[in-house]
N, C-alpha and C. Protein backbone atom coordinates (compact mmCIF):
# COMPACT_ATOMS: atom_id res chain seq x y z
N UNK A 1 0.83 -1.06 -0.18
CA UNK A 1 -0.04 -0.21 -0.14
C UNK A 1 1.16 1.09 0.13
N UNK A 2 0.19 2.44 -0.55
CA UNK A 2 1.25 4.04 0.26
C UNK A 2 0.45 4.96 0.56
N UNK A 3 1.33 5.26 0.94
CA UNK A 3 0.64 6.36 2.26
C UNK A 3 0.91 7.80 1.41
N UNK A 4 0.27 8.92 1.73
CA UNK A 4 -0.06 9.94 0.84
C UNK A 4 -0.86 11.26 2.51
N UNK A 5 -0.30 12.30 2.34
CA UNK A 5 -0.62 13.71 2.71
C UNK A 5 -2.27 14.00 2.14
N UNK A 6 -1.77 13.79 0.99
CA UNK A 6 -3.10 13.27 0.22
C UNK A 6 -4.36 13.26 0.86
N UNK A 7 -5.90 14.59 -0.16
CA UNK A 7 -7.18 13.85 0.72
C UNK A 7 -7.23 12.94 -0.48
N UNK A 8 -8.05 12.33 -0.72
CA UNK A 8 -8.43 10.96 -0.58
C UNK A 8 -8.98 11.06 -1.60
N UNK A 9 -9.51 12.17 -2.45
CA UNK A 9 -10.57 11.85 -3.66
C UNK A 9 -8.90 12.31 -4.69
N UNK A 10 -7.47 13.09 -3.45
CA UNK A 10 -6.57 13.60 -4.85
C UNK A 10 -5.60 12.07 -5.13
N UNK A 11 -5.49 11.42 -3.93
CA UNK A 11 -4.91 9.84 -4.13
C UNK A 11 -6.23 9.20 -5.18
N UNK A 12 -7.07 8.86 -4.67
CA UNK A 12 -7.75 7.79 -5.58
C UNK A 12 -7.16 8.24 -7.11
N UNK A 13 -7.65 10.03 -8.15
CA UNK A 13 -7.15 10.12 -8.56
C UNK A 13 -5.41 9.97 -9.71
N UNK A 14 -5.12 9.83 -8.71
CA UNK A 14 -3.30 10.08 -9.22
C UNK A 14 -3.79 8.36 -8.95
N UNK A 15 -3.55 6.55 -8.32
CA UNK A 15 -3.56 6.30 -8.50
C UNK A 15 -3.34 5.41 -9.48
N UNK A 16 -5.26 6.04 -9.30
CA UNK A 16 -5.58 5.61 -11.26
C UNK A 16 -5.23 5.82 -12.60
N UNK A 17 -4.58 7.01 -12.39
CA UNK A 17 -4.21 8.17 -13.43
C UNK A 17 -2.97 6.94 -13.25
N UNK A 18 -1.80 6.45 -11.92
CA UNK A 18 -0.63 5.76 -12.56
C UNK A 18 -1.04 4.37 -12.79
N UNK A 19 -2.21 3.73 -12.90
CA UNK A 19 -2.67 1.78 -13.55
C UNK A 19 -1.80 1.14 -11.15
N UNK A 20 -1.71 1.72 -10.42
CA UNK A 20 -1.49 1.43 -9.09
C UNK A 20 -2.55 0.32 -8.98
N UNK A 21 -2.53 -1.03 -8.52
CA UNK A 21 -2.77 -1.77 -7.83
C UNK A 21 -3.16 -2.33 -6.91
N UNK A 22 -2.55 -1.48 -5.96
CA UNK A 22 -2.02 -1.35 -4.39
C UNK A 22 -2.96 -0.12 -4.10
N UNK A 23 -4.01 -0.46 -2.97
CA UNK A 23 -4.27 1.65 -2.20
C UNK A 23 -3.33 2.16 -1.70
N UNK A 24 -3.98 3.11 -1.95
CA UNK A 24 -3.69 4.60 -1.52
C UNK A 24 -4.22 5.20 -0.54
N UNK A 25 -2.94 5.81 1.10
CA UNK A 25 -4.40 5.36 2.08
C UNK A 25 -3.72 7.25 1.77
N UNK A 26 -5.24 7.50 3.07
CA UNK A 26 -4.35 9.69 3.10
C UNK A 26 -4.12 9.11 5.19
N UNK A 27 -3.56 10.05 5.16
CA UNK A 27 -2.69 10.06 6.22
C UNK A 27 -2.83 11.85 6.22
N UNK A 28 -4.12 12.56 6.60
CA UNK A 28 -4.16 14.15 6.42
C UNK A 28 -2.99 14.17 7.79
N UNK A 29 -3.53 13.59 8.45
CA UNK A 29 -2.85 14.40 10.32
C UNK A 29 -1.86 13.91 10.27
N UNK A 30 -0.80 12.48 9.54
CA UNK A 30 0.18 12.97 9.82
C UNK A 30 0.26 11.96 10.92
N UNK A 31 -0.51 11.27 11.47
CA UNK A 31 -0.56 10.40 12.79
C UNK A 31 0.87 9.34 12.14
N UNK A 32 0.66 8.79 11.03
CA UNK A 32 1.16 7.50 10.93
C UNK A 32 2.96 7.68 9.90
N UNK A 33 2.55 9.27 9.28
CA UNK A 33 3.91 9.13 9.27
C UNK A 33 5.04 9.72 9.97
N UNK A 34 4.41 10.12 11.59
CA UNK A 34 4.85 10.46 12.62
C UNK A 34 5.15 9.25 13.43
N UNK A 35 4.31 8.20 14.23
CA UNK A 35 4.80 6.91 14.16
C UNK A 35 5.54 6.41 13.56
N UNK A 36 6.00 6.67 11.66
CA UNK A 36 6.84 5.64 11.16
C UNK A 36 8.08 6.39 10.78
N UNK A 37 8.35 7.76 11.30
CA UNK A 37 9.47 9.00 11.17
C UNK A 37 9.60 8.88 10.01
N UNK A 38 8.52 8.95 9.46
CA UNK A 38 8.11 9.81 8.41
C UNK A 38 7.86 11.28 7.78
N UNK A 39 8.25 11.82 8.72
CA UNK A 39 8.02 13.31 8.85
C UNK A 39 8.22 13.78 10.02
N UNK A 40 8.99 15.46 10.98
CA UNK A 40 9.08 15.11 12.02
C UNK A 40 7.70 15.53 12.88
N UNK A 41 7.24 16.45 12.34
CA UNK A 41 5.84 17.32 12.56
C UNK A 41 4.90 16.96 12.84
N UNK A 42 2.99 17.36 13.35
CA UNK A 42 2.62 17.64 12.46
C UNK A 42 2.28 18.72 11.18
N UNK A 43 3.17 19.71 11.45
CA UNK A 43 2.93 20.15 10.06
C UNK A 43 3.45 20.20 9.29
N UNK A 44 4.60 19.22 9.19
CA UNK A 44 5.10 19.72 8.02
C UNK A 44 4.27 18.52 6.16
N UNK A 45 4.46 19.44 5.52
CA UNK A 45 3.27 19.62 4.05
C UNK A 45 3.90 18.27 3.06
N UNK A 46 4.97 18.03 3.26
CA UNK A 46 6.03 16.28 2.84
C UNK A 46 6.01 15.72 3.48
N UNK A 47 5.98 13.82 3.19
CA UNK A 47 6.41 13.17 3.95
C UNK A 47 7.85 12.96 3.29
N UNK A 48 8.98 12.30 4.28
CA UNK A 48 10.11 11.55 3.32
C UNK A 48 8.77 10.32 3.15
N UNK A 49 10.31 10.07 1.63
CA UNK A 49 9.96 8.39 0.91
C UNK A 49 10.40 7.66 1.63
N UNK A 50 9.74 7.39 2.05
CA UNK A 50 10.16 5.71 3.18
C UNK A 50 9.56 4.59 1.72
N UNK A 51 10.08 3.43 1.87
CA UNK A 51 9.77 1.97 2.02
C UNK A 51 9.62 1.44 3.21
N UNK A 52 9.04 0.65 2.92
CA UNK A 52 9.04 -0.07 4.51
C UNK A 52 8.25 -1.79 3.62
N UNK A 53 9.73 -2.38 4.14
CA UNK A 53 8.54 -3.95 4.03
C UNK A 53 8.76 -4.73 5.41
N UNK A 54 7.34 -5.06 5.61
CA UNK A 54 6.65 -5.60 6.14
C UNK A 54 6.54 -7.57 6.49
N UNK A 55 7.44 -7.56 7.48
CA UNK A 55 6.67 -9.22 8.61
C UNK A 55 4.81 -9.80 7.60
N UNK A 56 5.08 -10.77 7.31
CA UNK A 56 3.68 -12.20 7.03
C UNK A 56 2.41 -11.01 8.83
N UNK A 57 3.93 -11.17 10.02
CA UNK A 57 3.12 -11.94 11.52
C UNK A 57 3.37 -9.46 11.37
N UNK A 58 3.23 -9.02 10.55
CA UNK A 58 3.32 -7.54 10.56
C UNK A 58 4.90 -6.51 11.49
N UNK A 59 5.99 -7.28 11.41
CA UNK A 59 6.62 -6.43 11.55
C UNK A 59 7.91 -5.88 10.81
N UNK A 60 8.68 -4.66 10.75
CA UNK A 60 8.76 -3.72 10.01
C UNK A 60 10.71 -4.28 9.36
N UNK A 61 10.16 -5.93 8.68
CA UNK A 61 11.45 -5.78 8.63
C UNK A 61 13.16 -4.86 8.07
N UNK A 62 12.18 -4.10 6.51
CA UNK A 62 13.29 -3.33 6.66
C UNK A 62 12.36 -0.98 6.46
N UNK A 63 13.65 -1.06 6.45
CA UNK A 63 13.22 0.63 5.56
C UNK A 63 14.07 0.95 4.93
N UNK A 64 13.35 1.41 4.12
CA UNK A 64 14.56 2.19 2.97
C UNK A 64 14.14 3.43 2.15
N UNK A 65 14.62 3.96 2.05
CA UNK A 65 15.08 5.36 1.07
C UNK A 65 14.57 5.41 0.86
N UNK A 66 13.33 6.15 -0.48
CA UNK A 66 12.89 5.30 -1.70
C UNK A 66 13.13 6.28 -2.56
N UNK A 67 14.49 6.25 -3.40
CA UNK A 67 15.17 7.05 -4.28
C UNK A 67 14.20 6.68 -6.04
N UNK A 68 13.91 5.38 -6.10
CA UNK A 68 13.64 5.98 -6.91
C UNK A 68 12.01 4.83 -7.32
N UNK A 69 10.63 6.31 -7.04
CA UNK A 69 9.45 5.13 -6.55
C UNK A 69 9.34 4.26 -7.62
N UNK A 70 9.35 4.49 -9.43
CA UNK A 70 8.59 3.77 -10.35
C UNK A 70 9.77 1.99 -10.38
N UNK A 71 11.35 2.49 -9.82
CA UNK A 71 11.89 0.74 -9.96
C UNK A 71 11.96 0.25 -8.64
N UNK A 72 11.56 1.13 -7.58
CA UNK A 72 12.39 0.57 -6.17
C UNK A 72 11.49 -1.36 -5.97
N UNK A 73 10.67 -1.21 -5.89
CA UNK A 73 9.15 -2.60 -6.17
C UNK A 73 9.75 -3.30 -6.09
N UNK A 74 9.95 -3.62 -7.79
CA UNK A 74 11.06 -4.74 -9.03
C UNK A 74 12.74 -5.07 -7.54
N UNK A 75 13.30 -4.21 -7.00
CA UNK A 75 14.60 -3.92 -7.17
C UNK A 75 14.06 -4.54 -5.17
N UNK A 76 13.49 -3.76 -4.70
CA UNK A 76 13.39 -5.32 -3.16
C UNK A 76 12.62 -6.80 -3.01
N UNK A 77 12.02 -6.87 -4.20
CA UNK A 77 11.76 -8.00 -4.25
C UNK A 77 13.07 -8.91 -4.96
N UNK A 78 13.21 -8.19 -5.85
CA UNK A 78 14.57 -9.42 -6.24
C UNK A 78 16.04 -9.76 -5.09
N UNK A 79 15.40 -8.56 -4.51
CA UNK A 79 16.50 -8.78 -3.41
C UNK A 79 15.48 -9.75 -2.38
N UNK A 80 14.86 -9.19 -1.95
CA UNK A 80 14.61 -10.65 -1.34
C UNK A 80 14.09 -12.06 -1.38
N UNK A 81 14.46 -12.02 -2.74
CA UNK A 81 14.83 -13.46 -3.44
C UNK A 81 15.94 -14.01 -3.26
């Protein structure tokens, strides 16, 4: 899944435009971003681009700075094999 500070309508339009096959969630109050260290305060305009690899048990296995949003998913899948 992806998370953004944008409103649900904007996220929906962006996800459709990009052809995402996963949910894009809204974190307007910055609660998730604050908990995961993707921003320092609730007034942040933008979150840091981070990717989290989460185990089936819900444990964060890796936190990766996202430098290539388009290609990072495949690079992570290749590294996990």
